[in-house]
Amino acid sequence: MKINDEDRKILEAYESGNSKSVPNIKKELARYREYAKSTLQKNKRINIRISERDLTHIQRRAIEEGLPYQTLISSVIHKYVSGALSARH
């Protein structure tokens, strides 16, 4: 299994004993649960028109990722609006 740099740093900190406990862990867990709940809640529907070619590519990528294509589209939109994904110019 290949791990990314962030995961490697976390693992190294843990193994060297340099990791720190989060103060007030129950409060932090509750806060992040709320973030996840808000992020994953899908309570609005939209209709968009895209080219057949783009839809075909999206559906292929979704199959590769093991996701329904609507979920992939929703994920891309979420990543973009949250700043985790930027438009290339």
C-alpha atoms as a PDB file:
ATOM      1  CA  MET A   1       0.000   0.000   0.000  1.00  0.00           C
ATOM      2  CA  LYS A   2       1.340   3.419  -0.972  1.00  0.00           C
ATOM      3  CA  ILE A   3       0.995   6.229   1.577  1.00  0.00           C
ATOM      4  CA  ASN A   4       1.132   9.959   0.900  1.00  0.00           C
ATOM      5  CA  ASP A   5       3.460  12.475   2.573  1.00  0.00           C
ATOM      6  CA  GLU A   6       0.900  13.628   5.144  1.00  0.00           C
ATOM      7  CA  ASP A   7       0.171  10.050   6.250  1.00  0.00           C
ATOM      8  CA  ARG A   8       3.910   9.315   6.384  1.00  0.00           C
ATOM      9  CA  LYS A   9       4.497  12.340   8.675  1.00  0.00           C
ATOM     10  CA  ILE A  10       1.682  11.219  10.982  1.00  0.00           C
ATOM     11  CA  LEU A  11       3.092   7.694  11.126  1.00  0.00           C
ATOM     12  CA  GLU A  12       6.613   8.973  11.846  1.00  0.00           C
ATOM     13  CA  ALA A  13       5.341  11.261  14.624  1.00  0.00           C
ATOM     14  CA  TYR A  14       3.402   8.398  16.184  1.00  0.00           C
ATOM     15  CA  GLU A  15       6.294   5.930  15.971  1.00  0.00           C
ATOM     16  CA  SER A  16       8.804   8.434  17.416  1.00  0.00           C
ATOM     17  CA  GLY A  17       6.482   9.343  20.292  1.00  0.00           C
ATOM     18  CA  ASN A  18       6.109  12.945  19.104  1.00  0.00           C
ATOM     19  CA  SER A  19       2.367  12.772  18.557  1.00  0.00           C
ATOM     20  CA  LYS A  20       0.124  14.772  20.878  1.00  0.00           C
ATOM     21  CA  SER A  21      -3.357  14.046  22.168  1.00  0.00           C
ATOM     22  CA  VAL A  22      -6.108  16.424  21.173  1.00  0.00           C
ATOM     23  CA  PRO A  23      -7.380  18.365  24.179  1.00  0.00           C
ATOM     24  CA  ASN A  24     -11.101  17.860  24.826  1.00  0.00           C
ATOM     25  CA  ILE A  25     -11.347  14.977  22.343  1.00  0.00           C
ATOM     26  CA  LYS A  26     -15.078  14.410  22.839  1.00  0.00           C
ATOM     27  CA  LYS A  27     -15.858  18.003  21.890  1.00  0.00           C
ATOM     28  CA  GLU A  28     -13.575  17.817  18.838  1.00  0.00           C
ATOM     29  CA  LEU A  29     -15.125  14.538  17.679  1.00  0.00           C
ATOM     30  CA  ALA A  30     -18.616  16.015  18.007  1.00  0.00           C
ATOM     31  CA  ARG A  31     -17.531  19.069  16.004  1.00  0.00           C
ATOM     32  CA  TYR A  32     -16.087  16.984  13.180  1.00  0.00           C
ATOM     33  CA  ARG A  33     -19.145  14.709  13.152  1.00  0.00           C
ATOM     34  CA  GLU A  34     -21.273  17.812  12.551  1.00  0.00           C
ATOM     35  CA  TYR A  35     -18.955  18.886   9.728  1.00  0.00           C
ATOM     36  CA  ALA A  36     -19.250  15.459   8.123  1.00  0.00           C
ATOM     37  CA  LYS A  37     -23.005  15.372   8.576  1.00  0.00           C
ATOM     38  CA  SER A  38     -23.390  18.800   6.965  1.00  0.00           C
ATOM     39  CA  THR A  39     -21.055  17.888   4.129  1.00  0.00           C
ATOM     40  CA  LEU A  40     -22.711  14.584   3.345  1.00  0.00           C
ATOM     41  CA  GLN A  41     -26.292  15.809   3.652  1.00  0.00           C
ATOM     42  CA  LYS A  42     -27.797  16.025   0.191  1.00  0.00           C
ATOM     43  CA  ASN A  43     -30.986  17.989   0.443  1.00  0.00           C
ATOM     44  CA  LYS A  44     -31.038  19.955  -2.815  1.00  0.00           C
ATOM     45  CA  ARG A  45     -31.463  18.807  -6.375  1.00  0.00           C
ATOM     46  CA  ILE A  46     -30.111  20.570  -9.461  1.00  0.00           C
ATOM     47  CA  ASN A  47     -30.347  19.940 -13.180  1.00  0.00           C
ATOM     48  CA  ILE A  48     -27.453  20.771 -15.474  1.00  0.00           C
ATOM     49  CA  ARG A  49     -26.745  20.302 -19.137  1.00  0.00           C
ATOM     50  CA  ILE A  50     -23.343  18.964 -20.142  1.00  0.00           C
ATOM     51  CA  SER A  51     -21.996  17.491 -23.330  1.00  0.00           C
ATOM     52  CA  GLU A  52     -22.516  13.811 -23.977  1.00  0.00           C
ATOM     53  CA  ARG A  53     -18.752  13.429 -24.292  1.00  0.00           C
ATOM     54  CA  ASP A  54     -18.132  14.933 -20.832  1.00  0.00           C
ATOM     55  CA  LEU A  55     -20.844  12.763 -19.298  1.00  0.00           C
ATOM     56  CA  THR A  56     -19.289   9.651 -20.838  1.00  0.00           C
ATOM     57  CA  HIS A  57     -15.885  10.607 -19.399  1.00  0.00           C
ATOM     58  CA  ILE A  58     -17.427  11.276 -15.983  1.00  0.00           C
ATOM     59  CA  GLN A  59     -19.201   7.916 -16.036  1.00  0.00           C
ATOM     60  CA  ARG A  60     -15.947   6.136 -16.932  1.00  0.00           C
ATOM     61  CA  ARG A  61     -14.069   7.872 -14.126  1.00  0.00           C
ATOM     62  CA  ALA A  62     -16.867   7.012 -11.702  1.00  0.00           C
ATOM     63  CA  ILE A  63     -16.627   3.341 -12.666  1.00  0.00           C
ATOM     64  CA  GLU A  64     -12.848   3.475 -12.117  1.00  0.00           C
ATOM     65  CA  GLU A  65     -13.427   5.012  -8.676  1.00  0.00           C
ATOM     66  CA  GLY A  66     -16.235   2.576  -7.844  1.00  0.00           C
ATOM     67  CA  LEU A  67     -18.786   5.366  -7.387  1.00  0.00           C
ATOM     68  CA  PRO A  68     -22.118   6.305  -8.928  1.00  0.00           C
ATOM     69  CA  TYR A  69     -21.439   9.113 -11.389  1.00  0.00           C
ATOM     70  CA  GLN A  70     -23.772  11.532  -9.567  1.00  0.00           C
ATOM     71  CA  THR A  71     -21.735  10.991  -6.392  1.00  0.00           C
ATOM     72  CA  LEU A  72     -18.531  11.727  -8.288  1.00  0.00           C
ATOM     73  CA  ILE A  73     -19.989  14.954  -9.694  1.00  0.00           C
ATOM     74  CA  SER A  74     -21.190  15.993  -6.232  1.00  0.00           C
ATOM     75  CA  SER A  75     -17.757  15.237  -4.782  1.00  0.00           C
ATOM     76  CA  VAL A  76     -15.975  17.316  -7.420  1.00  0.00           C
ATOM     77  CA  ILE A  77     -18.318  20.250  -6.806  1.00  0.00           C
ATOM     78  CA  HIS A  78     -17.816  19.962  -3.046  1.00  0.00           C
ATOM     79  CA  LYS A  79     -14.021  19.849  -3.397  1.00  0.00           C
ATOM     80  CA  TYR A  80     -14.086  22.889  -5.664  1.00  0.00           C
ATOM     81  CA  VAL A  81     -16.257  25.064  -3.409  1.00  0.00           C
ATOM     82  CA  SER A  82     -14.307  24.045  -0.290  1.00  0.00           C
ATOM     83  CA  GLY A  83     -11.000  25.014  -1.922  1.00  0.00           C
ATOM     84  CA  ALA A  84      -9.578  21.494  -2.156  1.00  0.00           C
ATOM     85  CA  LEU A  85      -9.766  21.631  -5.953  1.00  0.00           C
ATOM     86  CA  SER A  86      -8.939  24.613  -8.135  1.00  0.00           C
ATOM     87  CA  ALA A  87      -9.765  25.412 -11.726  1.00  0.00           C
ATOM     88  CA  ARG A  88      -6.847  25.252 -14.142  1.00  0.00           C
ATOM     89  CA  HIS A  89      -6.446  28.106 -16.560  1.00  0.00           C
END
